Amino acid sequence: MRILTWSVDRILEEVEILDNNIKQYKAELYKMCWYMRGGMTLEEVYLLGPEDREIINGIVKENLKTTKKSGLPFF
């Protein structure tokens, strides 16, 4: 059995890192919902696996690029 030997400061640093990771994850999910414009609920997006999120984000980026090139409004 391994005993943790981190100091309180090191634990607090790790908590802050994990908290930031969670915030980035949530931001990614909220953006995905916004881009889907009601095509997926937040609950459905939370259930997606990493590979599916990556694929959808790729599609979004591709569509943004196409929209910019065409000059059509995106919003």
Protein backbone atom coordinates (compact mmCIF):
# COMPACT_ATOMS: atom_id res chain seq x y z
CA MET A 1 0.00 0.00 0.00
CA ARG A 2 1.31 3.39 -0.97
CA ILE A 3 0.97 6.30 1.43
CA LEU A 4 0.57 9.81 0.03
CA THR A 5 3.39 12.06 1.05
CA TRP A 6 2.31 15.27 -0.63
CA SER A 7 2.38 18.48 1.35
CA VAL A 8 -0.78 20.49 1.83
CA ASP A 9 0.52 23.03 -0.69
CA ARG A 10 1.07 20.29 -3.30
CA ILE A 11 -2.42 18.92 -2.69
CA LEU A 12 -3.91 22.40 -3.13
CA GLU A 13 -1.96 22.84 -6.39
CA GLU A 14 -3.35 19.54 -7.67
CA VAL A 15 -6.89 20.54 -6.68
CA GLU A 16 -6.48 23.80 -8.61
CA ILE A 17 -5.22 21.90 -11.68
CA LEU A 18 -8.15 19.51 -11.54
CA ASP A 19 -10.60 22.38 -11.03
CA ASN A 20 -9.23 24.13 -14.13
CA ASN A 21 -9.54 20.89 -16.12
CA ILE A 22 -13.18 20.61 -15.11
CA LYS A 23 -13.84 24.21 -16.13
CA GLN A 24 -12.26 23.61 -19.56
CA TYR A 25 -14.29 20.43 -19.99
CA LYS A 26 -17.53 22.23 -19.12
CA ALA A 27 -16.70 25.10 -21.48
CA GLU A 28 -16.12 22.59 -24.29
CA LEU A 29 -19.48 20.95 -23.61
CA TYR A 30 -21.39 24.24 -23.41
CA LYS A 31 -19.85 25.44 -26.67
CA MET A 32 -20.77 22.17 -28.31
CA CYS A 33 -24.40 22.61 -27.21
CA TRP A 34 -24.41 26.17 -28.51
CA TYR A 35 -23.03 25.12 -31.89
CA MET A 36 -25.57 22.31 -32.13
CA ARG A 37 -28.36 24.90 -31.70
CA GLY A 38 -30.68 22.53 -29.87
CA GLY A 39 -29.58 19.44 -31.77
CA MET A 40 -28.25 18.01 -28.51
CA THR A 41 -29.10 18.79 -24.93
CA LEU A 42 -26.44 19.42 -22.31
CA GLU A 43 -27.33 16.08 -20.73
CA GLU A 44 -26.76 14.29 -24.05
CA VAL A 45 -23.44 16.06 -24.58
CA TYR A 46 -22.29 15.05 -21.09
CA LEU A 47 -22.91 11.42 -22.07
CA LEU A 48 -20.64 11.60 -25.14
CA GLY A 49 -17.29 9.88 -24.96
CA PRO A 50 -14.01 11.67 -25.74
CA GLU A 51 -13.84 10.30 -29.30
CA ASP A 52 -17.36 11.49 -30.14
CA ARG A 53 -16.67 14.94 -28.69
CA GLU A 54 -13.49 15.16 -30.75
CA ILE A 55 -15.36 14.22 -33.94
CA ILE A 56 -18.14 16.76 -33.29
CA ASN A 57 -15.62 19.49 -32.48
CA GLY A 58 -13.83 18.71 -35.75
CA ILE A 59 -17.09 19.06 -37.67
CA VAL A 60 -17.80 22.38 -35.94
CA LYS A 61 -14.33 23.73 -36.82
CA GLU A 62 -14.72 22.57 -40.41
CA ASN A 63 -18.13 24.26 -40.69
CA LEU A 64 -16.79 27.48 -39.17
CA LYS A 65 -13.97 27.50 -41.71
CA THR A 66 -16.40 26.90 -44.57
CA THR A 67 -18.71 29.64 -43.31
CA LYS A 68 -15.85 32.15 -43.10
CA LYS A 69 -14.69 31.31 -46.64
CA SER A 70 -18.21 31.62 -48.06
CA GLY A 71 -18.94 34.89 -46.29
CA LEU A 72 -22.30 33.59 -45.09
CA PRO A 73 -23.46 34.63 -41.62
CA PHE A 74 -22.80 32.05 -38.95
CA PHE A 75 -24.74 33.57 -36.09
